[in-house]
């Protein structure tokens, strides 16, 4: 069984940029955004992926990800994904024993920068870098599936 355990944070400044070792352009859309299951199609660099995620139970949720042909991913995004797709640039930053993924969102989510760290277990210790701010783990507005339906530009204006 595939499992995802991650913590998500807002990013306070650009200090992380000095330590980037990989960068990907990501475009993704959703075949399903139900509370109990999210089905995502993603193009990450030159590769396509289909991912199924279950409802989070604390920090843990089931996740199954499969590489699919790039042309299939493109077609699914264009034909089957409801609403807009989401675009972001992902930067990988190594901090201690963990790889942090810093997502810089584009388009209607421009201005939002979020960092995630994946863990092996919910109570795993990790180094929290100085450029990481408020923790938003479990806050649904920051889920990518929610950002497609209710982009950052909409709720940022209402604050």
C-alpha atoms as a PDB file:
ATOM      1  CA  UNK A   1       0.000   0.000   0.000  1.00  0.00           C
ATOM      2  CA  UNK A   2       1.302   3.461  -0.920  1.00  0.00           C
ATOM      3  CA  UNK A   3       1.317   6.016   1.872  1.00  0.00           C
ATOM      4  CA  UNK A   4       2.110   9.724   1.913  1.00  0.00           C
ATOM      5  CA  UNK A   5       3.160  11.487   5.105  1.00  0.00           C
ATOM      6  CA  UNK A   6       3.924  15.154   4.602  1.00  0.00           C
ATOM      7  CA  UNK A   7       4.004  18.502   6.334  1.00  0.00           C
ATOM      8  CA  UNK A   8       3.281  21.719   4.460  1.00  0.00           C
ATOM      9  CA  UNK A   9       4.453  25.266   5.243  1.00  0.00           C
ATOM     10  CA  UNK A  10       4.273  28.742   3.777  1.00  0.00           C
ATOM     11  CA  UNK A  11       7.619  30.168   2.677  1.00  0.00           C
ATOM     12  CA  UNK A  12       8.768  33.426   4.290  1.00  0.00           C
ATOM     13  CA  UNK A  13      11.677  34.463   2.064  1.00  0.00           C
ATOM     14  CA  UNK A  14      13.908  33.457  -0.866  1.00  0.00           C
ATOM     15  CA  UNK A  15      16.882  32.048   1.076  1.00  0.00           C
ATOM     16  CA  UNK A  16      15.962  28.552  -0.150  1.00  0.00           C
ATOM     17  CA  UNK A  17      16.908  29.526  -3.724  1.00  0.00           C
ATOM     18  CA  UNK A  18      20.618  29.316  -2.834  1.00  0.00           C
ATOM     19  CA  UNK A  19      20.330  25.577  -2.148  1.00  0.00           C
ATOM     20  CA  UNK A  20      18.146  24.375  -5.064  1.00  0.00           C
ATOM     21  CA  UNK A  21      19.501  21.232  -6.716  1.00  0.00           C
ATOM     22  CA  UNK A  22      16.594  20.288  -9.055  1.00  0.00           C
ATOM     23  CA  UNK A  23      13.776  22.234 -10.678  1.00  0.00           C
ATOM     24  CA  UNK A  24      10.698  20.982 -12.549  1.00  0.00           C
ATOM     25  CA  UNK A  25       7.820  22.679 -14.325  1.00  0.00           C
ATOM     26  CA  UNK A  26       4.576  21.003 -13.269  1.00  0.00           C
ATOM     27  CA  UNK A  27       1.132  21.168 -14.840  1.00  0.00           C
ATOM     28  CA  UNK A  28      -1.643  19.163 -13.262  1.00  0.00           C
ATOM     29  CA  UNK A  29      -5.390  18.721 -13.348  1.00  0.00           C
ATOM     30  CA  UNK A  30      -7.953  16.597 -11.570  1.00  0.00           C
ATOM     31  CA  UNK A  31     -10.246  13.789 -12.692  1.00  0.00           C
ATOM     32  CA  UNK A  32     -11.826  13.672  -9.218  1.00  0.00           C
ATOM     33  CA  UNK A  33     -11.665  16.014  -6.231  1.00  0.00           C
ATOM     34  CA  UNK A  34     -14.035  14.207  -3.872  1.00  0.00           C
ATOM     35  CA  UNK A  35     -13.166  14.320  -0.173  1.00  0.00           C
ATOM     36  CA  UNK A  36     -12.447  10.579  -0.015  1.00  0.00           C
ATOM     37  CA  UNK A  37     -10.449  10.377  -3.228  1.00  0.00           C
ATOM     38  CA  UNK A  38      -8.483  12.713  -5.411  1.00  0.00           C
ATOM     39  CA  UNK A  39      -7.356  11.561  -8.839  1.00  0.00           C
ATOM     40  CA  UNK A  40      -4.696  13.752 -10.416  1.00  0.00           C
ATOM     41  CA  UNK A  41      -3.008  13.850 -13.812  1.00  0.00           C
ATOM     42  CA  UNK A  42       0.393  15.543 -13.761  1.00  0.00           C
ATOM     43  CA  UNK A  43       3.075  16.466 -16.229  1.00  0.00           C
ATOM     44  CA  UNK A  44       6.344  16.930 -14.371  1.00  0.00           C
ATOM     45  CA  UNK A  45       9.098  17.970 -16.716  1.00  0.00           C
ATOM     46  CA  UNK A  46       9.116  15.416 -19.579  1.00  0.00           C
ATOM     47  CA  UNK A  47       7.089  12.748 -17.718  1.00  0.00           C
ATOM     48  CA  UNK A  48       3.410  12.029 -17.102  1.00  0.00           C
ATOM     49  CA  UNK A  49       1.851  10.636 -13.920  1.00  0.00           C
ATOM     50  CA  UNK A  50      -1.534   9.482 -12.667  1.00  0.00           C
ATOM     51  CA  UNK A  51      -1.980   9.717  -8.881  1.00  0.00           C
ATOM     52  CA  UNK A  52      -4.793   8.530  -6.626  1.00  0.00           C
ATOM     53  CA  UNK A  53      -4.934   9.908  -3.073  1.00  0.00           C
ATOM     54  CA  UNK A  54      -7.293   9.070  -0.242  1.00  0.00           C
ATOM     55  CA  UNK A  55      -8.598  11.200   2.621  1.00  0.00           C
ATOM     56  CA  UNK A  56      -5.933  12.324   5.088  1.00  0.00           C
ATOM     57  CA  UNK A  57      -5.957  10.720   8.536  1.00  0.00           C
ATOM     58  CA  UNK A  58      -3.866  13.258  10.414  1.00  0.00           C
ATOM     59  CA  UNK A  59      -0.586  13.503   8.493  1.00  0.00           C
ATOM     60  CA  UNK A  60      -1.075  10.151   6.723  1.00  0.00           C
ATOM     61  CA  UNK A  61      -2.991   9.346   3.576  1.00  0.00           C
ATOM     62  CA  UNK A  62      -2.958   6.618   0.994  1.00  0.00           C
ATOM     63  CA  UNK A  63      -1.274   7.524  -2.259  1.00  0.00           C
ATOM     64  CA  UNK A  64      -0.690   5.534  -5.429  1.00  0.00           C
ATOM     65  CA  UNK A  65       1.281   7.119  -8.264  1.00  0.00           C
ATOM     66  CA  UNK A  66       1.958   5.627 -11.679  1.00  0.00           C
ATOM     67  CA  UNK A  67       4.000   6.911 -14.565  1.00  0.00           C
ATOM     68  CA  UNK A  68       1.956   7.106 -17.760  1.00  0.00           C
ATOM     69  CA  UNK A  69       2.908   8.056 -21.323  1.00  0.00           C
ATOM     70  CA  UNK A  70       3.410  11.804 -21.698  1.00  0.00           C
ATOM     71  CA  UNK A  71       0.932  11.991 -24.602  1.00  0.00           C
ATOM     72  CA  UNK A  72      -1.714  10.272 -22.461  1.00  0.00           C
ATOM     73  CA  UNK A  73      -1.141  12.788 -19.666  1.00  0.00           C
ATOM     74  CA  UNK A  74      -1.479  15.696 -22.119  1.00  0.00           C
ATOM     75  CA  UNK A  75      -4.721  14.289 -23.521  1.00  0.00           C
ATOM     76  CA  UNK A  76      -6.193  13.649 -20.066  1.00  0.00           C
ATOM     77  CA  UNK A  77      -5.368  17.212 -18.999  1.00  0.00           C
ATOM     78  CA  UNK A  78      -6.985  18.681 -22.096  1.00  0.00           C
ATOM     79  CA  UNK A  79     -10.034  16.412 -22.359  1.00  0.00           C
ATOM     80  CA  UNK A  80     -10.953  15.008 -18.947  1.00  0.00           C
ATOM     81  CA  UNK A  81      -9.800  17.430 -16.273  1.00  0.00           C
ATOM     82  CA  UNK A  82     -12.637  19.568 -14.996  1.00  0.00           C
ATOM     83  CA  UNK A  83     -11.861  23.284 -14.689  1.00  0.00           C
ATOM     84  CA  UNK A  84      -8.456  24.830 -14.992  1.00  0.00           C
ATOM     85  CA  UNK A  85      -5.215  23.060 -14.564  1.00  0.00           C
ATOM     86  CA  UNK A  86      -2.703  24.217 -12.039  1.00  0.00           C
ATOM     87  CA  UNK A  87       0.817  25.297 -12.936  1.00  0.00           C
ATOM     88  CA  UNK A  88       3.810  25.631 -10.672  1.00  0.00           C
ATOM     89  CA  UNK A  89       7.563  25.373 -10.630  1.00  0.00           C
ATOM     90  CA  UNK A  90       8.900  22.879  -8.108  1.00  0.00           C
ATOM     91  CA  UNK A  91      12.340  23.320  -6.627  1.00  0.00           C
ATOM     92  CA  UNK A  92      14.016  20.584  -4.587  1.00  0.00           C
ATOM     93  CA  UNK A  93      16.135  21.717  -1.648  1.00  0.00           C
ATOM     94  CA  UNK A  94      18.084  19.322   0.567  1.00  0.00           C
ATOM     95  CA  UNK A  95      17.969  20.216   4.265  1.00  0.00           C
ATOM     96  CA  UNK A  96      19.591  17.698   6.583  1.00  0.00           C
ATOM     97  CA  UNK A  97      18.349  14.215   5.660  1.00  0.00           C
ATOM     98  CA  UNK A  98      15.226  15.465   3.849  1.00  0.00           C
ATOM     99  CA  UNK A  99      14.383  16.883   0.456  1.00  0.00           C
ATOM    100  CA  UNK A 100      12.053  19.878   0.707  1.00  0.00           C
ATOM    101  CA  UNK A 101       9.830  20.617  -2.293  1.00  0.00           C
ATOM    102  CA  UNK A 102       9.275  24.333  -2.731  1.00  0.00           C
ATOM    103  CA  UNK A 103       6.369  25.057  -5.075  1.00  0.00           C
ATOM    104  CA  UNK A 104       6.184  28.489  -6.688  1.00  0.00           C
ATOM    105  CA  UNK A 105       2.683  28.755  -8.148  1.00  0.00           C
ATOM    106  CA  UNK A 106       1.858  30.516 -11.405  1.00  0.00           C
ATOM    107  CA  UNK A 107      -1.234  31.892 -13.103  1.00  0.00           C
ATOM    108  CA  UNK A 108      -4.245  32.430 -10.809  1.00  0.00           C
ATOM    109  CA  UNK A 109      -2.194  31.099  -7.881  1.00  0.00           C
ATOM    110  CA  UNK A 110       0.737  33.430  -8.497  1.00  0.00           C
ATOM    111  CA  UNK A 111       2.226  34.807  -5.297  1.00  0.00           C
ATOM    112  CA  UNK A 112       1.742  31.569  -3.365  1.00  0.00           C
ATOM    113  CA  UNK A 113       4.928  29.724  -2.353  1.00  0.00           C
ATOM    114  CA  UNK A 114       4.581  26.528  -0.318  1.00  0.00           C
ATOM    115  CA  UNK A 115       7.211  24.086   0.972  1.00  0.00           C
ATOM    116  CA  UNK A 116       6.523  20.428   1.741  1.00  0.00           C
ATOM    117  CA  UNK A 117       8.625  17.785   3.408  1.00  0.00           C
ATOM    118  CA  UNK A 118       7.774  14.088   3.101  1.00  0.00           C
ATOM    119  CA  UNK A 119       8.371  11.918   6.121  1.00  0.00           C
ATOM    120  CA  UNK A 120       8.733   8.201   6.771  1.00  0.00           C
ATOM    121  CA  UNK A 121       6.473   8.328   9.838  1.00  0.00           C
ATOM    122  CA  UNK A 122       4.236  10.991  11.429  1.00  0.00           C
ATOM    123  CA  UNK A 123       6.538  11.619  14.401  1.00  0.00           C
ATOM    124  CA  UNK A 124       9.748  11.757  12.358  1.00  0.00           C
ATOM    125  CA  UNK A 125      12.049  14.621  13.313  1.00  0.00           C
ATOM    126  CA  UNK A 126      13.302  17.024  10.638  1.00  0.00           C
ATOM    127  CA  UNK A 127      15.217  20.275  10.405  1.00  0.00           C
ATOM    128  CA  UNK A 128      12.887  23.202   9.890  1.00  0.00           C
ATOM    129  CA  UNK A 129      14.785  25.710   7.734  1.00  0.00           C
ATOM    130  CA  UNK A 130      14.746  29.426   8.588  1.00  0.00           C
ATOM    131  CA  UNK A 131      12.908  30.305   5.359  1.00  0.00           C
ATOM    132  CA  UNK A 132       9.878  28.208   6.368  1.00  0.00           C
ATOM    133  CA  UNK A 133       7.020  30.068   8.034  1.00  0.00           C
ATOM    134  CA  UNK A 134       3.520  29.154   9.157  1.00  0.00           C
ATOM    135  CA  UNK A 135       2.555  25.488   8.992  1.00  0.00           C
ATOM    136  CA  UNK A 136      -0.525  24.876   6.826  1.00  0.00           C
ATOM    137  CA  UNK A 137      -0.617  21.065   6.965  1.00  0.00           C
ATOM    138  CA  UNK A 138      -4.259  19.964   6.734  1.00  0.00           C
ATOM    139  CA  UNK A 139      -5.581  23.400   5.747  1.00  0.00           C
ATOM    140  CA  UNK A 140      -7.724  22.564   2.719  1.00  0.00           C
ATOM    141  CA  UNK A 141      -7.295  25.939   0.992  1.00  0.00           C
ATOM    142  CA  UNK A 142      -3.663  24.967   0.372  1.00  0.00           C
ATOM    143  CA  UNK A 143      -4.455  21.594  -1.222  1.00  0.00           C
ATOM    144  CA  UNK A 144      -3.632  21.713  -4.924  1.00  0.00           C
ATOM    145  CA  UNK A 145      -7.051  20.300  -5.820  1.00  0.00           C
ATOM    146  CA  UNK A 146      -8.675  23.211  -3.964  1.00  0.00           C
ATOM    147  CA  UNK A 147      -6.362  25.763  -5.612  1.00  0.00           C
ATOM    148  CA  UNK A 148      -7.698  24.692  -9.015  1.00  0.00           C
ATOM    149  CA  UNK A 149     -11.290  25.440  -7.968  1.00  0.00           C
ATOM    150  CA  UNK A 150     -10.555  28.417  -5.703  1.00  0.00           C
ATOM    151  CA  UNK A 151      -7.257  30.015  -6.772  1.00  0.00           C
ATOM    152  CA  UNK A 152      -5.080  32.015  -4.412  1.00  0.00           C
ATOM    153  CA  UNK A 153      -5.877  35.267  -6.227  1.00  0.00           C
ATOM    154  CA  UNK A 154      -9.542  34.896  -5.183  1.00  0.00           C
ATOM    155  CA  UNK A 155      -9.081  34.279  -1.481  1.00  0.00           C
ATOM    156  CA  UNK A 156      -6.070  36.578  -1.164  1.00  0.00           C
ATOM    157  CA  UNK A 157      -8.318  39.466  -2.315  1.00  0.00           C
ATOM    158  CA  UNK A 158     -10.872  38.622   0.377  1.00  0.00           C
ATOM    159  CA  UNK A 159      -8.370  38.829   3.276  1.00  0.00           C
END
